[in-house]
Amino acid sequence: LLGMCDFIVANRPGFDLQRLYSAIPAEMLGSRQSRESAPLSSTIQLKRTAIHPLTTVASEVSATDIRGRIRAGHSIAGLVPRRVKEYIEKQGLYR
């Protein structure tokens, strides 16, 4: 997938973005990108795609928690934007 599409990665509080860099195979990095020279908040250029870290969006809520709450019949109000909640409910997702 790293060679097929761009990724936007939102981090969680306490997550070290260096772990994201270290998970990318060296052969996938673009010729101008290196793990050592790139600022941890900037776009990671791959050979055909890119990874865009969102360092300003940090949430304690995980997608796994959201799916689990829905399966258990609990509300997700306040955990996701209203329109996301409405879409999930309309589509019957995660039930």
C-alpha atoms as a PDB file:
ATOM      1  CA  LEU A   1       0.000   0.000   0.000  1.00  0.00           C
ATOM      2  CA  LEU A   2       2.897   2.365   0.662  1.00  0.00           C
ATOM      3  CA  GLY A   3       3.586   2.409  -3.061  1.00  0.00           C
ATOM      4  CA  MET A   4      -0.048   2.857  -4.092  1.00  0.00           C
ATOM      5  CA  CYS A   5      -1.482   5.780  -2.122  1.00  0.00           C
ATOM      6  CA  ASP A   6      -0.666   8.622   0.220  1.00  0.00           C
ATOM      7  CA  PHE A   7      -1.349   8.196   3.938  1.00  0.00           C
ATOM      8  CA  ILE A   8      -2.437  10.741   6.509  1.00  0.00           C
ATOM      9  CA  VAL A   9      -1.395   9.603   9.974  1.00  0.00           C
ATOM     10  CA  ALA A  10      -2.897  11.191  13.086  1.00  0.00           C
ATOM     11  CA  ASN A  11      -0.849  10.571  16.170  1.00  0.00           C
ATOM     12  CA  ARG A  12      -1.916   9.869  19.722  1.00  0.00           C
ATOM     13  CA  PRO A  13      -0.517  11.709  22.736  1.00  0.00           C
ATOM     14  CA  GLY A  14       2.820  10.199  23.692  1.00  0.00           C
ATOM     15  CA  PHE A  15       3.408   8.542  20.307  1.00  0.00           C
ATOM     16  CA  ASP A  16       6.968   9.028  19.072  1.00  0.00           C
ATOM     17  CA  LEU A  17       6.897   9.833  15.351  1.00  0.00           C
ATOM     18  CA  GLN A  18      10.381   8.372  15.055  1.00  0.00           C
ATOM     19  CA  ARG A  19       8.664   4.965  15.360  1.00  0.00           C
ATOM     20  CA  LEU A  20       6.713   5.783  12.187  1.00  0.00           C
ATOM     21  CA  TYR A  21       9.935   6.571  10.309  1.00  0.00           C
ATOM     22  CA  SER A  22      11.610   3.402  11.546  1.00  0.00           C
ATOM     23  CA  ALA A  23       8.683   1.273  10.323  1.00  0.00           C
ATOM     24  CA  ILE A  24       9.154   2.375   6.707  1.00  0.00           C
ATOM     25  CA  PRO A  25      11.434   0.078   4.705  1.00  0.00           C
ATOM     26  CA  ALA A  26      14.513   2.008   3.535  1.00  0.00           C
ATOM     27  CA  GLU A  27      13.881   1.001  -0.075  1.00  0.00           C
ATOM     28  CA  MET A  28      10.482   2.778   0.050  1.00  0.00           C
ATOM     29  CA  LEU A  29      11.956   6.168   0.986  1.00  0.00           C
ATOM     30  CA  GLY A  30      12.305   8.705  -1.818  1.00  0.00           C
ATOM     31  CA  SER A  31      15.768   9.686  -3.002  1.00  0.00           C
ATOM     32  CA  ARG A  32      15.602  13.063  -1.198  1.00  0.00           C
ATOM     33  CA  GLN A  33      14.221  11.693   2.069  1.00  0.00           C
ATOM     34  CA  SER A  34      16.264  10.208   4.852  1.00  0.00           C
ATOM     35  CA  ARG A  35      15.292   9.247   8.363  1.00  0.00           C
ATOM     36  CA  GLU A  36      18.031  11.413   9.815  1.00  0.00           C
ATOM     37  CA  SER A  37      17.385  14.636   7.882  1.00  0.00           C
ATOM     38  CA  ALA A  38      13.594  14.882   7.917  1.00  0.00           C
ATOM     39  CA  PRO A  39      11.847  16.878  10.632  1.00  0.00           C
ATOM     40  CA  LEU A  40       9.457  14.623  12.518  1.00  0.00           C
ATOM     41  CA  SER A  41       6.472  16.826  11.679  1.00  0.00           C
ATOM     42  CA  SER A  42       6.999  17.022   7.916  1.00  0.00           C
ATOM     43  CA  THR A  43       5.745  14.929   5.040  1.00  0.00           C
ATOM     44  CA  ILE A  44       7.674  11.723   4.497  1.00  0.00           C
ATOM     45  CA  GLN A  45       8.356  11.416   0.776  1.00  0.00           C
ATOM     46  CA  LEU A  46       8.315   7.872  -0.508  1.00  0.00           C
ATOM     47  CA  LYS A  47       9.313   6.833  -4.016  1.00  0.00           C
ATOM     48  CA  ARG A  48       5.790   7.085  -5.465  1.00  0.00           C
ATOM     49  CA  THR A  49       3.667   8.316  -2.560  1.00  0.00           C
ATOM     50  CA  ALA A  50       3.906  10.205   0.714  1.00  0.00           C
ATOM     51  CA  ILE A  51       3.004   9.944   4.380  1.00  0.00           C
ATOM     52  CA  HIS A  52       1.601  13.077   6.011  1.00  0.00           C
ATOM     53  CA  PRO A  53       1.875  13.051   9.836  1.00  0.00           C
ATOM     54  CA  LEU A  54      -0.743  15.190  11.582  1.00  0.00           C
ATOM     55  CA  THR A  55       0.991  16.307  14.735  1.00  0.00           C
ATOM     56  CA  THR A  56      -1.709  18.825  15.646  1.00  0.00           C
ATOM     57  CA  VAL A  57      -4.453  16.220  15.886  1.00  0.00           C
ATOM     58  CA  ALA A  58      -3.934  14.153  18.985  1.00  0.00           C
ATOM     59  CA  SER A  59      -6.711  12.090  20.473  1.00  0.00           C
ATOM     60  CA  GLU A  60      -6.889   9.471  23.185  1.00  0.00           C
ATOM     61  CA  VAL A  61      -9.784   7.832  21.307  1.00  0.00           C
ATOM     62  CA  SER A  62      -8.931   4.865  19.105  1.00  0.00           C
ATOM     63  CA  ALA A  63     -10.913   3.404  16.233  1.00  0.00           C
ATOM     64  CA  THR A  64     -10.875   0.082  18.101  1.00  0.00           C
ATOM     65  CA  ASP A  65     -12.564   1.766  21.083  1.00  0.00           C
ATOM     66  CA  ILE A  66     -15.197   3.334  18.827  1.00  0.00           C
ATOM     67  CA  ARG A  67     -16.010   0.009  17.129  1.00  0.00           C
ATOM     68  CA  GLY A  68     -16.135  -1.768  20.486  1.00  0.00           C
ATOM     69  CA  ARG A  69     -18.514   0.803  21.967  1.00  0.00           C
ATOM     70  CA  ILE A  70     -20.838   0.489  18.987  1.00  0.00           C
ATOM     71  CA  ARG A  71     -20.830  -3.327  19.144  1.00  0.00           C
ATOM     72  CA  ALA A  72     -21.640  -3.127  22.872  1.00  0.00           C
ATOM     73  CA  GLY A  73     -24.509  -0.722  22.193  1.00  0.00           C
ATOM     74  CA  HIS A  74     -22.831   2.240  23.938  1.00  0.00           C
ATOM     75  CA  SER A  75     -22.950   5.813  22.686  1.00  0.00           C
ATOM     76  CA  ILE A  76     -20.058   7.359  20.773  1.00  0.00           C
ATOM     77  CA  ALA A  77     -21.445  10.884  21.162  1.00  0.00           C
ATOM     78  CA  GLY A  78     -18.637  13.293  21.918  1.00  0.00           C
ATOM     79  CA  LEU A  79     -15.983  10.817  20.787  1.00  0.00           C
ATOM     80  CA  VAL A  80     -16.354  11.512  17.075  1.00  0.00           C
ATOM     81  CA  PRO A  81     -17.713  14.488  15.137  1.00  0.00           C
ATOM     82  CA  ARG A  82     -21.520  14.574  14.844  1.00  0.00           C
ATOM     83  CA  ARG A  83     -21.461  13.908  11.088  1.00  0.00           C
ATOM     84  CA  VAL A  84     -19.193  10.881  11.552  1.00  0.00           C
ATOM     85  CA  LYS A  85     -21.564   9.503  14.202  1.00  0.00           C
ATOM     86  CA  GLU A  86     -24.548  10.065  11.875  1.00  0.00           C
ATOM     87  CA  TYR A  87     -22.778   8.342   8.988  1.00  0.00           C
ATOM     88  CA  ILE A  88     -21.833   5.332  11.117  1.00  0.00           C
ATOM     89  CA  GLU A  89     -25.410   5.021  12.357  1.00  0.00           C
ATOM     90  CA  LYS A  90     -26.968   5.494   8.900  1.00  0.00           C
ATOM     91  CA  GLN A  91     -24.697   2.858   7.356  1.00  0.00           C
ATOM     92  CA  GLY A  92     -25.081   0.464  10.290  1.00  0.00           C
ATOM     93  CA  LEU A  93     -21.317   0.175  10.611  1.00  0.00           C
ATOM     94  CA  TYR A  94     -19.554  -1.939  13.278  1.00  0.00           C
ATOM     95  CA  ARG A  95     -22.684  -3.748  14.492  1.00  0.00           C
END
